[in-house]
Amino acid sequence: MTNEPINVTDAAFEKTVLQNELPVIVDFWAPWCGPCKMLGPILDKMAKEFAGKLIIAKVNTDEHQEWASKYGVQGIPTMLMMKDGKIVHRQVGVLPEPMLRDTIKNFLDVATGKA
């Protein structure tokens, strides 16, 4: 169980994201991206809050472009909320923390069959 985001490479994406039993939020970001810098601390907080219920995986698109390209990520930050390797929700841009928390709760309800 991890309570912080995991940095994921192209090579580790399949195992960490697609084959994970837990729901996964994939954050596609880059170090030069202002909105990504705003989202980072919020995702750190969400990783702690939802520890054991989901994984937050961060993909630096400057270093690892393969999966961003495969999923058609054109703007960052983009979050893909995934379960069993399938996209349940796509969020482009930054949401305020309360809205992101609600979005994550809704995602978990769908991903765990509660919705």
PDB file of N, CA and C in Angstrom:
ATOM      1  N   MET A   1       0.851  -1.185   0.000  1.00  0.00           N
ATOM      2  CA  MET A   1       0.000   0.000   0.000  1.00  0.00           C
ATOM      3  C   MET A   1       0.890   1.239   0.000  1.00  0.00           C
ATOM      4  N   THR A   2       0.589   2.160  -0.893  1.00  0.00           N
ATOM      5  CA  THR A   2       1.378   3.382  -0.957  1.00  0.00           C
ATOM      6  C   THR A   2       0.495   4.579  -0.654  1.00  0.00           C
ATOM      7  N   ASN A   3       1.077   5.540   0.056  1.00  0.00           N
ATOM      8  CA  ASN A   3       0.325   6.745   0.369  1.00  0.00           C
ATOM      9  C   ASN A   3       0.939   7.970  -0.298  1.00  0.00           C
ATOM     10  N   GLU A   4       1.643   7.723  -1.389  1.00  0.00           N
ATOM     11  CA  GLU A   4       2.164   8.828  -2.195  1.00  0.00           C
ATOM     12  C   GLU A   4       2.151   8.417  -3.663  1.00  0.00           C
ATOM     13  N   PRO A   5       2.115   9.415  -4.547  1.00  0.00           N
ATOM     14  CA  PRO A   5       2.114   9.090  -5.980  1.00  0.00           C
ATOM     15  C   PRO A   5       3.373   8.323  -6.379  1.00  0.00           C
ATOM     16  N   ILE A   6       3.218   7.475  -7.393  1.00  0.00           N
ATOM     17  CA  ILE A   6       4.318   6.672  -7.928  1.00  0.00           C
ATOM     18  C   ILE A   6       4.716   7.260  -9.275  1.00  0.00           C
ATOM     19  N   ASN A   7       6.000   7.527  -9.470  1.00  0.00           N
ATOM     20  CA  ASN A   7       6.485   7.963 -10.777  1.00  0.00           C
ATOM     21  C   ASN A   7       6.620   6.733 -11.665  1.00  0.00           C
ATOM     22  N   VAL A   8       5.972   6.782 -12.835  1.00  0.00           N
ATOM     23  CA  VAL A   8       5.898   5.620 -13.712  1.00  0.00           C
ATOM     24  C   VAL A   8       6.591   5.913 -15.039  1.00  0.00           C
ATOM     25  N   THR A   9       7.414   4.964 -15.479  1.00  0.00           N
ATOM     26  CA  THR A   9       8.068   5.060 -16.781  1.00  0.00           C
ATOM     27  C   THR A   9       7.206   4.350 -17.820  1.00  0.00           C
ATOM     28  N   ASP A  10       7.528   4.563 -19.086  1.00  0.00           N
ATOM     29  CA  ASP A  10       6.823   3.841 -20.148  1.00  0.00           C
ATOM     30  C   ASP A  10       6.924   2.330 -19.926  1.00  0.00           C
ATOM     31  N   ALA A  11       8.118   1.875 -19.524  1.00  0.00           N
ATOM     32  CA  ALA A  11       8.353   0.437 -19.353  1.00  0.00           C
ATOM     33  C   ALA A  11       7.528  -0.149 -18.207  1.00  0.00           C
ATOM     34  N   ALA A  12       7.283   0.640 -17.160  1.00  0.00           N
ATOM     35  CA  ALA A  12       6.560   0.140 -15.983  1.00  0.00           C
ATOM     36  C   ALA A  12       5.058   0.400 -16.056  1.00  0.00           C
ATOM     37  N   PHE A  13       4.599   1.114 -17.076  1.00  0.00           N
ATOM     38  CA  PHE A  13       3.194   1.529 -17.158  1.00  0.00           C
ATOM     39  C   PHE A  13       2.243   0.337 -17.146  1.00  0.00           C
ATOM     40  N   GLU A  14       2.545  -0.660 -17.953  1.00  0.00           N
ATOM     41  CA  GLU A  14       1.628  -1.793 -18.069  1.00  0.00           C
ATOM     42  C   GLU A  14       1.420  -2.484 -16.719  1.00  0.00           C
ATOM     43  N   LYS A  15       2.519  -2.761 -16.018  1.00  0.00           N
ATOM     44  CA  LYS A  15       2.404  -3.458 -14.728  1.00  0.00           C
ATOM     45  C   LYS A  15       1.778  -2.555 -13.669  1.00  0.00           C
ATOM     46  N   THR A  16       2.232  -1.317 -13.574  1.00  0.00           N
ATOM     47  CA  THR A  16       1.776  -0.417 -12.518  1.00  0.00           C
ATOM     48  C   THR A  16       0.344   0.043 -12.724  1.00  0.00           C
ATOM     49  N   VAL A  17      -0.030   0.298 -13.967  1.00  0.00           N
ATOM     50  CA  VAL A  17      -1.344   0.877 -14.252  1.00  0.00           C
ATOM     51  C   VAL A  17      -2.324  -0.164 -14.784  1.00  0.00           C
ATOM     52  N   LEU A  18      -1.995  -0.779 -15.889  1.00  0.00           N
ATOM     53  CA  LEU A  18      -2.955  -1.631 -16.585  1.00  0.00           C
ATOM     54  C   LEU A  18      -3.247  -2.937 -15.848  1.00  0.00           C
ATOM     55  N   GLN A  19      -2.268  -3.458 -15.115  1.00  0.00           N
ATOM     56  CA  GLN A  19      -2.456  -4.742 -14.437  1.00  0.00           C
ATOM     57  C   GLN A  19      -2.732  -4.598 -12.942  1.00  0.00           C
ATOM     58  N   ASN A  20      -2.900  -3.381 -12.472  1.00  0.00           N
ATOM     59  CA  ASN A  20      -3.119  -3.155 -11.046  1.00  0.00           C
ATOM     60  C   ASN A  20      -4.527  -3.568 -10.649  1.00  0.00           C
ATOM     61  N   GLU A  21      -4.663  -4.217  -9.510  1.00  0.00           N
ATOM     62  CA  GLU A  21      -5.986  -4.611  -9.024  1.00  0.00           C
ATOM     63  C   GLU A  21      -6.766  -3.413  -8.499  1.00  0.00           C
ATOM     64  N   LEU A  22      -6.058  -2.420  -7.999  1.00  0.00           N
ATOM     65  CA  LEU A  22      -6.712  -1.211  -7.490  1.00  0.00           C
ATOM     66  C   LEU A  22      -7.027  -0.258  -8.638  1.00  0.00           C
ATOM     67  N   PRO A  23      -8.017   0.605  -8.454  1.00  0.00           N
ATOM     68  CA  PRO A  23      -8.220   1.687  -9.416  1.00  0.00           C
ATOM     69  C   PRO A  23      -6.968   2.576  -9.440  1.00  0.00           C
ATOM     70  N   VAL A  24      -6.688   3.164 -10.594  1.00  0.00           N
ATOM     71  CA  VAL A  24      -5.482   3.978 -10.764  1.00  0.00           C
ATOM     72  C   VAL A  24      -5.849   5.319 -11.382  1.00  0.00           C
ATOM     73  N   ILE A  25      -5.267   6.380 -10.827  1.00  0.00           N
ATOM     74  CA  ILE A  25      -5.347   7.694 -11.459  1.00  0.00           C
ATOM     75  C   ILE A  25      -3.979   7.955 -12.065  1.00  0.00           C
ATOM     76  N   VAL A  26      -3.932   8.146 -13.372  1.00  0.00           N
ATOM     77  CA  VAL A  26      -2.681   8.439 -14.063  1.00  0.00           C
ATOM     78  C   VAL A  26      -2.643   9.938 -14.332  1.00  0.00           C
ATOM     79  N   ASP A  27      -1.632  10.595 -13.784  1.00  0.00           N
ATOM     80  CA  ASP A  27      -1.445  12.036 -13.973  1.00  0.00           C
ATOM     81  C   ASP A  27      -0.342  12.242 -15.003  1.00  0.00           C
ATOM     82  N   PHE A  28      -0.716  12.699 -16.198  1.00  0.00           N
ATOM     83  CA  PHE A  28       0.267  13.057 -17.220  1.00  0.00           C
ATOM     84  C   PHE A  28       0.638  14.514 -16.989  1.00  0.00           C
ATOM     85  N   TRP A  29       1.935  14.776 -16.786  1.00  0.00           N
ATOM     86  CA  TRP A  29       2.398  16.098 -16.388  1.00  0.00           C
ATOM     87  C   TRP A  29       3.780  16.367 -16.978  1.00  0.00           C
ATOM     88  N   ALA A  30       4.271  17.593 -16.777  1.00  0.00           N
ATOM     89  CA  ALA A  30       5.646  17.956 -17.146  1.00  0.00           C
ATOM     90  C   ALA A  30       6.148  18.992 -16.142  1.00  0.00           C
ATOM     91  N   PRO A  31       7.463  19.018 -15.892  1.00  0.00           N
ATOM     92  CA  PRO A  31       8.016  19.914 -14.875  1.00  0.00           C
ATOM     93  C   PRO A  31       7.843  21.402 -15.194  1.00  0.00           C
ATOM     94  N   TRP A  32       7.729  21.760 -16.458  1.00  0.00           N
ATOM     95  CA  TRP A  32       7.608  23.164 -16.853  1.00  0.00           C
ATOM     96  C   TRP A  32       6.162  23.656 -16.831  1.00  0.00           C
ATOM     97  N   CYS A  33       5.219  22.781 -16.596  1.00  0.00           N
ATOM     98  CA  CYS A  33       3.785  23.080 -16.695  1.00  0.00           C
ATOM     99  C   CYS A  33       3.273  23.701 -15.391  1.00  0.00           C
ATOM    100  N   GLY A  34       2.874  24.975 -15.447  1.00  0.00           N
ATOM    101  CA  GLY A  34       2.364  25.678 -14.267  1.00  0.00           C
ATOM    102  C   GLY A  34       1.172  24.994 -13.618  1.00  0.00           C
ATOM    103  N   PRO A  35       0.119  24.677 -14.387  1.00  0.00           N
ATOM    104  CA  PRO A  35      -1.025  23.991 -13.782  1.00  0.00           C
ATOM    105  C   PRO A  35      -0.651  22.628 -13.174  1.00  0.00           C
ATOM    106  N   CYS A  36       0.329  21.952 -13.779  1.00  0.00           N
ATOM    107  CA  CYS A  36       0.781  20.665 -13.227  1.00  0.00           C
ATOM    108  C   CYS A  36       1.388  20.873 -11.839  1.00  0.00           C
ATOM    109  N   LYS A  37       2.121  21.979 -11.673  1.00  0.00           N
ATOM    110  CA  LYS A  37       2.726  22.293 -10.375  1.00  0.00           C
ATOM    111  C   LYS A  37       1.650  22.567  -9.332  1.00  0.00           C
ATOM    112  N   MET A  38       0.523  23.139  -9.763  1.00  0.00           N
ATOM    113  CA  MET A  38      -0.594  23.375  -8.844  1.00  0.00           C
ATOM    114  C   MET A  38      -1.257  22.053  -8.451  1.00  0.00           C
ATOM    115  N   LEU A  39      -1.367  21.140  -9.398  1.00  0.00           N
ATOM    116  CA  LEU A  39      -2.052  19.874  -9.162  1.00  0.00           C
ATOM    117  C   LEU A  39      -1.225  18.919  -8.300  1.00  0.00           C
ATOM    118  N   GLY A  40       0.093  18.974  -8.431  1.00  0.00           N
ATOM    119  CA  GLY A  40       0.975  18.038  -7.720  1.00  0.00           C
ATOM    120  C   GLY A  40       0.696  17.907  -6.230  1.00  0.00           C
ATOM    121  N   PRO A  41       0.695  19.016  -5.474  1.00  0.00           N
ATOM    122  CA  PRO A  41       0.441  18.914  -4.031  1.00  0.00           C
ATOM    123  C   PRO A  41      -0.960  18.393  -3.701  1.00  0.00           C
ATOM    124  N   ILE A  42      -1.928  18.700  -4.557  1.00  0.00           N
ATOM    125  CA  ILE A  42      -3.289  18.198  -4.335  1.00  0.00           C
ATOM    126  C   ILE A  42      -3.304  16.676  -4.500  1.00  0.00           C
ATOM    127  N   LEU A  43      -2.623  16.182  -5.535  1.00  0.00           N
ATOM    128  CA  LEU A  43      -2.563  14.728  -5.733  1.00  0.00           C
ATOM    129  C   LEU A  43      -1.790  14.039  -4.610  1.00  0.00           C
ATOM    130  N   ASP A  44      -0.745  14.702  -4.095  1.00  0.00           N
ATOM    131  CA  ASP A  44      -0.019  14.149  -2.946  1.00  0.00           C
ATOM    132  C   ASP A  44      -0.981  13.943  -1.777  1.00  0.00           C
ATOM    133  N   LYS A  45      -1.813  14.949  -1.543  1.00  0.00           N
ATOM    134  CA  LYS A  45      -2.790  14.894  -0.457  1.00  0.00           C
ATOM    135  C   LYS A  45      -3.827  13.793  -0.705  1.00  0.00           C
ATOM    136  N   MET A  46      -4.297  13.686  -1.953  1.00  0.00           N
ATOM    137  CA  MET A  46      -5.297  12.673  -2.294  1.00  0.00           C
ATOM    138  C   MET A  46      -4.715  11.263  -2.151  1.00  0.00           C
ATOM    139  N   ALA A  47      -3.427  11.105  -2.475  1.00  0.00           N
ATOM    140  CA  ALA A  47      -2.779   9.794  -2.341  1.00  0.00           C
ATOM    141  C   ALA A  47      -2.799   9.338  -0.886  1.00  0.00           C
ATOM    142  N   LYS A  48      -2.576  10.270   0.037  1.00  0.00           N
ATOM    143  CA  LYS A  48      -2.620   9.937   1.461  1.00  0.00           C
ATOM    144  C   LYS A  48      -4.057   9.654   1.896  1.00  0.00           C
ATOM    145  N   GLU A  49      -4.970  10.507   1.462  1.00  0.00           N
ATOM    146  CA  GLU A  49      -6.375  10.388   1.871  1.00  0.00           C
ATOM    147  C   GLU A  49      -7.009   9.080   1.387  1.00  0.00           C
ATOM    148  N   PHE A  50      -6.656   8.654   0.175  1.00  0.00           N
ATOM    149  CA  PHE A  50      -7.274   7.462  -0.413  1.00  0.00           C
ATOM    150  C   PHE A  50      -6.318   6.261  -0.441  1.00  0.00           C
ATOM    151  N   ALA A  51      -5.294   6.284   0.422  1.00  0.00           N
ATOM    152  CA  ALA A  51      -4.316   5.189   0.482  1.00  0.00           C
ATOM    153  C   ALA A  51      -5.031   3.859   0.710  1.00  0.00           C
ATOM    154  N   GLY A  52      -4.636   2.850  -0.061  1.00  0.00           N
ATOM    155  CA  GLY A  52      -5.239   1.533   0.053  1.00  0.00           C
ATOM    156  C   GLY A  52      -6.470   1.349  -0.815  1.00  0.00           C
ATOM    157  N   LYS A  53      -7.005   2.461  -1.332  1.00  0.00           N
ATOM    158  CA  LYS A  53      -8.204   2.401  -2.177  1.00  0.00           C
ATOM    159  C   LYS A  53      -7.876   2.627  -3.642  1.00  0.00           C
ATOM    160  N   LEU A  54      -6.775   3.343  -3.899  1.00  0.00           N
ATOM    161  CA  LEU A  54      -6.361   3.612  -5.273  1.00  0.00           C
ATOM    162  C   LEU A  54      -4.880   3.905  -5.321  1.00  0.00           C
ATOM    163  N   ILE A  55      -4.355   3.920  -6.529  1.00  0.00           N
ATOM    164  CA  ILE A  55      -2.958   4.261  -6.793  1.00  0.00           C
ATOM    165  C   ILE A  55      -2.958   5.531  -7.637  1.00  0.00           C
ATOM    166  N   ILE A  56      -2.059   6.453  -7.316  1.00  0.00           N
ATOM    167  CA  ILE A  56      -1.856   7.615  -8.180  1.00  0.00           C
ATOM    168  C   ILE A  56      -0.500   7.441  -8.847  1.00  0.00           C
ATOM    169  N   ALA A  57      -0.524   7.365 -10.169  1.00  0.00           N
ATOM    170  CA  ALA A  57       0.680   7.165 -10.972  1.00  0.00           C
ATOM    171  C   ALA A  57       0.954   8.437 -11.762  1.00  0.00           C
ATOM    172  N   LYS A  58       2.179   8.935 -11.684  1.00  0.00           N
ATOM    173  CA  LYS A  58       2.550  10.161 -12.390  1.00  0.00           C
ATOM    174  C   LYS A  58       3.465   9.811 -13.564  1.00  0.00           C
ATOM    175  N   VAL A  59       3.126  10.342 -14.737  1.00  0.00           N
ATOM    176  CA  VAL A  59       3.925  10.111 -15.938  1.00  0.00           C
ATOM    177  C   VAL A  59       4.427  11.460 -16.441  1.00  0.00           C
ATOM    178  N   ASN A  60       5.749  11.654 -16.382  1.00  0.00           N
ATOM    179  CA  ASN A  60       6.374  12.869 -16.896  1.00  0.00           C
ATOM    180  C   ASN A  60       6.414  12.759 -18.423  1.00  0.00           C
ATOM    181  N   THR A  61       5.597  13.557 -19.098  1.00  0.00           N
ATOM    182  CA  THR A  61       5.474  13.436 -20.554  1.00  0.00           C
ATOM    183  C   THR A  61       6.716  13.917 -21.297  1.00  0.00           C
ATOM    184  N   ASP A  62       7.584  14.678 -20.640  1.00  0.00           N
ATOM    185  CA  ASP A  62       8.844  15.068 -21.282  1.00  0.00           C
ATOM    186  C   ASP A  62       9.774  13.864 -21.415  1.00  0.00           C
ATOM    187  N   GLU A  63       9.719  12.959 -20.444  1.00  0.00           N
ATOM    188  CA  GLU A  63      10.617  11.805 -20.421  1.00  0.00           C
ATOM    189  C   GLU A  63       9.961  10.531 -20.946  1.00  0.00           C
ATOM    190  N   HIS A  64       8.648  10.438 -20.810  1.00  0.00           N
ATOM    191  CA  HIS A  64       7.933   9.201 -21.151  1.00  0.00           C
ATOM    192  C   HIS A  64       6.685   9.545 -21.962  1.00  0.00           C
ATOM    193  N   GLN A  65       6.816   9.474 -23.283  1.00  0.00           N
ATOM    194  CA  GLN A  65       5.739   9.930 -24.167  1.00  0.00           C
ATOM    195  C   GLN A  65       4.884   8.803 -24.739  1.00  0.00           C
ATOM    196  N   GLU A  66       5.334   7.569 -24.625  1.00  0.00           N
ATOM    197  CA  GLU A  66       4.654   6.456 -25.294  1.00  0.00           C
ATOM    198  C   GLU A  66       3.179   6.351 -24.900  1.00  0.00           C
ATOM    199  N   TRP A  67       2.900   6.294 -23.609  1.00  0.00           N
ATOM    200  CA  TRP A  67       1.519   6.080 -23.168  1.00  0.00           C
ATOM    201  C   TRP A  67       0.674   7.336 -23.325  1.00  0.00           C
ATOM    202  N   ALA A  68       1.277   8.502 -23.171  1.00  0.00           N
ATOM    203  CA  ALA A  68       0.536   9.746 -23.415  1.00  0.00           C
ATOM    204  C   ALA A  68       0.056   9.772 -24.859  1.00  0.00           C
ATOM    205  N   SER A  69       0.916   9.344 -25.762  1.00  0.00           N
ATOM    206  CA  SER A  69       0.555   9.287 -27.177  1.00  0.00           C
ATOM    207  C   SER A  69      -0.537   8.251 -27.420  1.00  0.00           C
ATOM    208  N   LYS A  70      -0.393   7.071 -26.814  1.00  0.00           N
ATOM    209  CA  LYS A  70      -1.385   6.005 -27.001  1.00  0.00           C
ATOM    210  C   LYS A  70      -2.773   6.421 -26.527  1.00  0.00           C
ATOM    211  N   TYR A  71      -2.825   7.232 -25.477  1.00  0.00           N
ATOM    212  CA  TYR A  71      -4.116   7.656 -24.929  1.00  0.00           C
ATOM    213  C   TYR A  71      -4.562   9.023 -25.443  1.00  0.00           C
ATOM    214  N   GLY A  72      -3.846   9.556 -26.413  1.00  0.00           N
ATOM    215  CA  GLY A  72      -4.262  10.810 -27.038  1.00  0.00           C
ATOM    216  C   GLY A  72      -4.203  12.011 -26.118  1.00  0.00           C
ATOM    217  N   VAL A  73      -3.245  12.011 -25.200  1.00  0.00           N
ATOM    218  CA  VAL A  73      -3.087  13.149 -24.295  1.00  0.00           C
ATOM    219  C   VAL A  73      -2.494  14.304 -25.092  1.00  0.00           C
ATOM    220  N   GLN A  74      -3.255  15.381 -25.213  1.00  0.00           N
ATOM    221  CA  GLN A  74      -2.804  16.530 -26.001  1.00  0.00           C
ATOM    222  C   GLN A  74      -2.480  17.733 -25.142  1.00  0.00           C
ATOM    223  N   GLY A  75      -3.069  17.818 -23.967  1.00  0.00           N
ATOM    224  CA  GLY A  75      -2.800  18.912 -23.043  1.00  0.00           C
ATOM    225  C   GLY A  75      -2.512  18.345 -21.670  1.00  0.00           C
ATOM    226  N   ILE A  76      -1.713  19.077 -20.908  1.00  0.00           N
ATOM    227  CA  ILE A  76      -1.405  18.632 -19.552  1.00  0.00           C
ATOM    228  C   ILE A  76      -1.734  19.756 -18.579  1.00  0.00           C
ATOM    229  N   PRO A  77      -2.090  19.412 -17.368  1.00  0.00           N
ATOM    230  CA  PRO A  77      -2.220  18.058 -16.854  1.00  0.00           C
ATOM    231  C   PRO A  77      -3.475  17.360 -17.383  1.00  0.00           C
ATOM    232  N   THR A  78      -3.333  16.081 -17.621  1.00  0.00           N
ATOM    233  CA  THR A  78      -4.466  15.210 -17.941  1.00  0.00           C
ATOM    234  C   THR A  78      -4.418  14.040 -16.972  1.00  0.00           C
ATOM    235  N   MET A  79      -5.555  13.759 -16.351  1.00  0.00           N
ATOM    236  CA  MET A  79      -5.663  12.604 -15.469  1.00  0.00           C
ATOM    237  C   MET A  79      -6.590  11.580 -16.108  1.00  0.00           C
ATOM    238  N   LEU A  80      -6.114  10.357 -16.180  1.00  0.00           N
ATOM    239  CA  LEU A  80      -6.951   9.241 -16.612  1.00  0.00           C
ATOM    240  C   LEU A  80      -7.266   8.414 -15.375  1.00  0.00           C
ATOM    241  N   MET A  81      -8.540   8.251 -15.099  1.00  0.00           N
ATOM    242  CA  MET A  81      -8.963   7.426 -13.973  1.00  0.00           C
ATOM    243  C   MET A  81      -9.342   6.075 -14.554  1.00  0.00           C
ATOM    244  N   MET A  82      -8.577   5.043 -14.166  1.00  0.00           N
ATOM    245  CA  MET A  82      -8.659   3.742 -14.826  1.00  0.00           C
ATOM    246  C   MET A  82      -8.932   2.611 -13.844  1.00  0.00           C
ATOM    247  N   LYS A  83      -9.651   1.615 -14.333  1.00  0.00           N
ATOM    248  CA  LYS A  83      -9.886   0.375 -13.588  1.00  0.00           C
ATOM    249  C   LYS A  83      -9.772  -0.770 -14.576  1.00  0.00           C
ATOM    250  N   ASP A  84      -9.000  -1.774 -14.212  1.00  0.00           N
ATOM    251  CA  ASP A  84      -8.784  -2.948 -15.068  1.00  0.00           C
ATOM    252  C   ASP A  84      -8.290  -2.555 -16.456  1.00  0.00           C
ATOM    253  N   GLY A  85      -7.427  -1.534 -16.513  1.00  0.00           N
ATOM    254  CA  GLY A  85      -6.839  -1.111 -17.778  1.00  0.00           C
ATOM    255  C   GLY A  85      -7.750  -0.295 -18.671  1.00  0.00           C
ATOM    256  N   LYS A  86      -8.944   0.036 -18.187  1.00  0.00           N
ATOM    257  CA  LYS A  86      -9.904   0.800 -18.997  1.00  0.00           C
ATOM    258  C   LYS A  86     -10.138   2.173 -18.380  1.00  0.00           C
ATOM    259  N   ILE A  87     -10.271   3.177 -19.239  1.00  0.00           N
ATOM    260  CA  ILE A  87     -10.520   4.536 -18.767  1.00  0.00           C
ATOM    261  C   ILE A  87     -11.973   4.652 -18.314  1.00  0.00           C
ATOM    262  N   VAL A  88     -12.146   5.084 -17.072  1.00  0.00           N
ATOM    263  CA  VAL A  88     -13.470   5.330 -16.510  1.00  0.00           C
ATOM    264  C   VAL A  88     -13.804   6.818 -16.635  1.00  0.00           C
ATOM    265  N   HIS A  89     -12.777   7.667 -16.466  1.00  0.00           N
ATOM    266  CA  HIS A  89     -12.980   9.117 -16.533  1.00  0.00           C
ATOM    267  C   HIS A  89     -11.680   9.776 -16.986  1.00  0.00           C
ATOM    268  N   ARG A  90     -11.817  10.826 -17.791  1.00  0.00           N
ATOM    269  CA  ARG A  90     -10.674  11.621 -18.242  1.00  0.00           C
ATOM    270  C   ARG A  90     -10.895  13.048 -17.758  1.00  0.00           C
ATOM    271  N   GLN A  91      -9.896  13.606 -17.093  1.00  0.00           N
ATOM    272  CA  GLN A  91      -9.974  14.978 -16.598  1.00  0.00           C
ATOM    273  C   GLN A  91      -8.787  15.756 -17.155  1.00  0.00           C
ATOM    274  N   VAL A  92      -9.075  16.784 -17.933  1.00  0.00           N
ATOM    275  CA  VAL A  92      -8.021  17.642 -18.468  1.00  0.00           C
ATOM    276  C   VAL A  92      -8.047  18.944 -17.681  1.00  0.00           C
ATOM    277  N   GLY A  93      -6.881  19.366 -17.206  1.00  0.00           N
ATOM    278  CA  GLY A  93      -6.800  20.600 -16.436  1.00  0.00           C
ATOM    279  C   GLY A  93      -6.897  20.336 -14.941  1.00  0.00           C
ATOM    280  N   VAL A  94      -6.765  21.426 -14.186  1.00  0.00           N
ATOM    281  CA  VAL A  94      -6.758  21.344 -12.728  1.00  0.00           C
ATOM    282  C   VAL A  94      -8.155  21.616 -12.187  1.00  0.00           C
ATOM    283  N   LEU A  95      -8.577  20.801 -11.244  1.00  0.00           N
ATOM    284  CA  LEU A  95      -9.814  21.055 -10.507  1.00  0.00           C
ATOM    285  C   LEU A  95      -9.445  21.553  -9.113  1.00  0.00           C
ATOM    286  N   PRO A  96     -10.267  22.427  -8.523  1.00  0.00           N
ATOM    287  CA  PRO A  96     -10.040  22.775  -7.116  1.00  0.00           C
ATOM    288  C   PRO A  96     -10.110  21.505  -6.261  1.00  0.00           C
ATOM    289  N   GLU A  97      -9.380  21.503  -5.170  1.00  0.00           N
ATOM    290  CA  GLU A  97      -9.277  20.302  -4.337  1.00  0.00           C
ATOM    291  C   GLU A  97     -10.632  19.678  -3.973  1.00  0.00           C
ATOM    292  N   PRO A  98     -11.635  20.460  -3.520  1.00  0.00           N
ATOM    293  CA  PRO A  98     -12.920  19.820  -3.174  1.00  0.00           C
ATOM    294  C   PRO A  98     -13.586  19.139  -4.371  1.00  0.00           C
ATOM    295  N   MET A  99     -13.479  19.739  -5.545  1.00  0.00           N
ATOM    296  CA  MET A  99     -14.076  19.138  -6.742  1.00  0.00           C
ATOM    297  C   MET A  99     -13.324  17.874  -7.150  1.00  0.00           C
ATOM    298  N   LEU A 100     -11.995  17.907  -7.027  1.00  0.00           N
ATOM    299  CA  LEU A 100     -11.205  16.718  -7.363  1.00  0.00           C
ATOM    300  C   LEU A 100     -11.532  15.584  -6.393  1.00  0.00           C
ATOM    301  N   ARG A 101     -11.663  15.906  -5.108  1.00  0.00           N
ATOM    302  CA  ARG A 101     -12.016  14.883  -4.113  1.00  0.00           C
ATOM    303  C   ARG A 101     -13.356  14.234  -4.480  1.00  0.00           C
ATOM    304  N   ASP A 102     -14.349  15.049  -4.840  1.00  0.00           N
ATOM    305  CA  ASP A 102     -15.658  14.514  -5.235  1.00  0.00           C
ATOM    306  C   ASP A 102     -15.544  13.652  -6.492  1.00  0.00           C
ATOM    307  N   THR A 103     -14.737  14.106  -7.455  1.00  0.00           N
ATOM    308  CA  THR A 103     -14.530  13.345  -8.688  1.00  0.00           C
ATOM    309  C   THR A 103     -13.896  11.992  -8.376  1.00  0.00           C
ATOM    310  N   ILE A 104     -12.915  11.991  -7.474  1.00  0.00           N
ATOM    311  CA  ILE A 104     -12.250  10.742  -7.090  1.00  0.00           C
ATOM    312  C   ILE A 104     -13.232   9.813  -6.376  1.00  0.00           C
ATOM    313  N   LYS A 105     -14.048  10.361  -5.478  1.00  0.00           N
ATOM    314  CA  LYS A 105     -15.040   9.530  -4.775  1.00  0.00           C
ATOM    315  C   LYS A 105     -16.015   8.901  -5.769  1.00  0.00           C
ATOM    316  N   ASN A 106     -16.477   9.690  -6.737  1.00  0.00           N
ATOM    317  CA  ASN A 106     -17.382   9.158  -7.764  1.00  0.00           C
ATOM    318  C   ASN A 106     -16.691   8.078  -8.590  1.00  0.00           C
ATOM    319  N   PHE A 107     -15.430   8.326  -8.956  1.00  0.00           N
ATOM    320  CA  PHE A 107     -14.645   7.341  -9.704  1.00  0.00           C
ATOM    321  C   PHE A 107     -14.527   6.038  -8.919  1.00  0.00           C
ATOM    322  N   LEU A 108     -14.224   6.135  -7.624  1.00  0.00           N
ATOM    323  CA  LEU A 108     -14.096   4.930  -6.804  1.00  0.00           C
ATOM    324  C   LEU A 108     -15.419   4.183  -6.702  1.00  0.00           C
ATOM    325  N   ASP A 109     -16.519   4.912  -6.605  1.00  0.00           N
ATOM    326  CA  ASP A 109     -17.838   4.261  -6.570  1.00  0.00           C
ATOM    327  C   ASP A 109     -18.081   3.461  -7.845  1.00  0.00           C
ATOM    328  N   VAL A 110     -17.755   4.065  -8.989  1.00  0.00           N
ATOM    329  CA  VAL A 110     -17.934   3.375 -10.273  1.00  0.00           C
ATOM    330  C   VAL A 110     -16.965   2.192 -10.370  1.00  0.00           C
ATOM    331  N   ALA A 111     -15.706   2.430 -10.008  1.00  0.00           N
ATOM    332  CA  ALA A 111     -14.670   1.404 -10.151  1.00  0.00           C
ATOM    333  C   ALA A 111     -14.900   0.203  -9.234  1.00  0.00           C
ATOM    334  N   THR A 112     -15.568   0.434  -8.110  1.00  0.00           N
ATOM    335  CA  THR A 112     -15.798  -0.662  -7.162  1.00  0.00           C
ATOM    336  C   THR A 112     -17.226  -1.189  -7.227  1.00  0.00           C
ATOM    337  N   GLY A 113     -17.988  -0.700  -8.204  1.00  0.00           N
ATOM    338  CA  GLY A 113     -19.341  -1.208  -8.412  1.00  0.00           C
ATOM    339  C   GLY A 113     -20.383  -0.673  -7.460  1.00  0.00           C
ATOM    340  N   LYS A 114     -20.073   0.430  -6.774  1.00  0.00           N
ATOM    341  CA  LYS A 114     -21.033   1.003  -5.826  1.00  0.00           C
ATOM    342  C   LYS A 114     -21.968   2.011  -6.477  1.00  0.00           C
ATOM    343  N   ALA A 115     -21.649   2.402  -7.707  1.00  0.00           N
ATOM    344  CA  ALA A 115     -22.491   3.406  -8.382  1.00  0.00           C
ATOM    345  C   ALA A 115     -23.409   2.739  -9.388  1.00  0.00           C
TER     346      ALA A 115
END
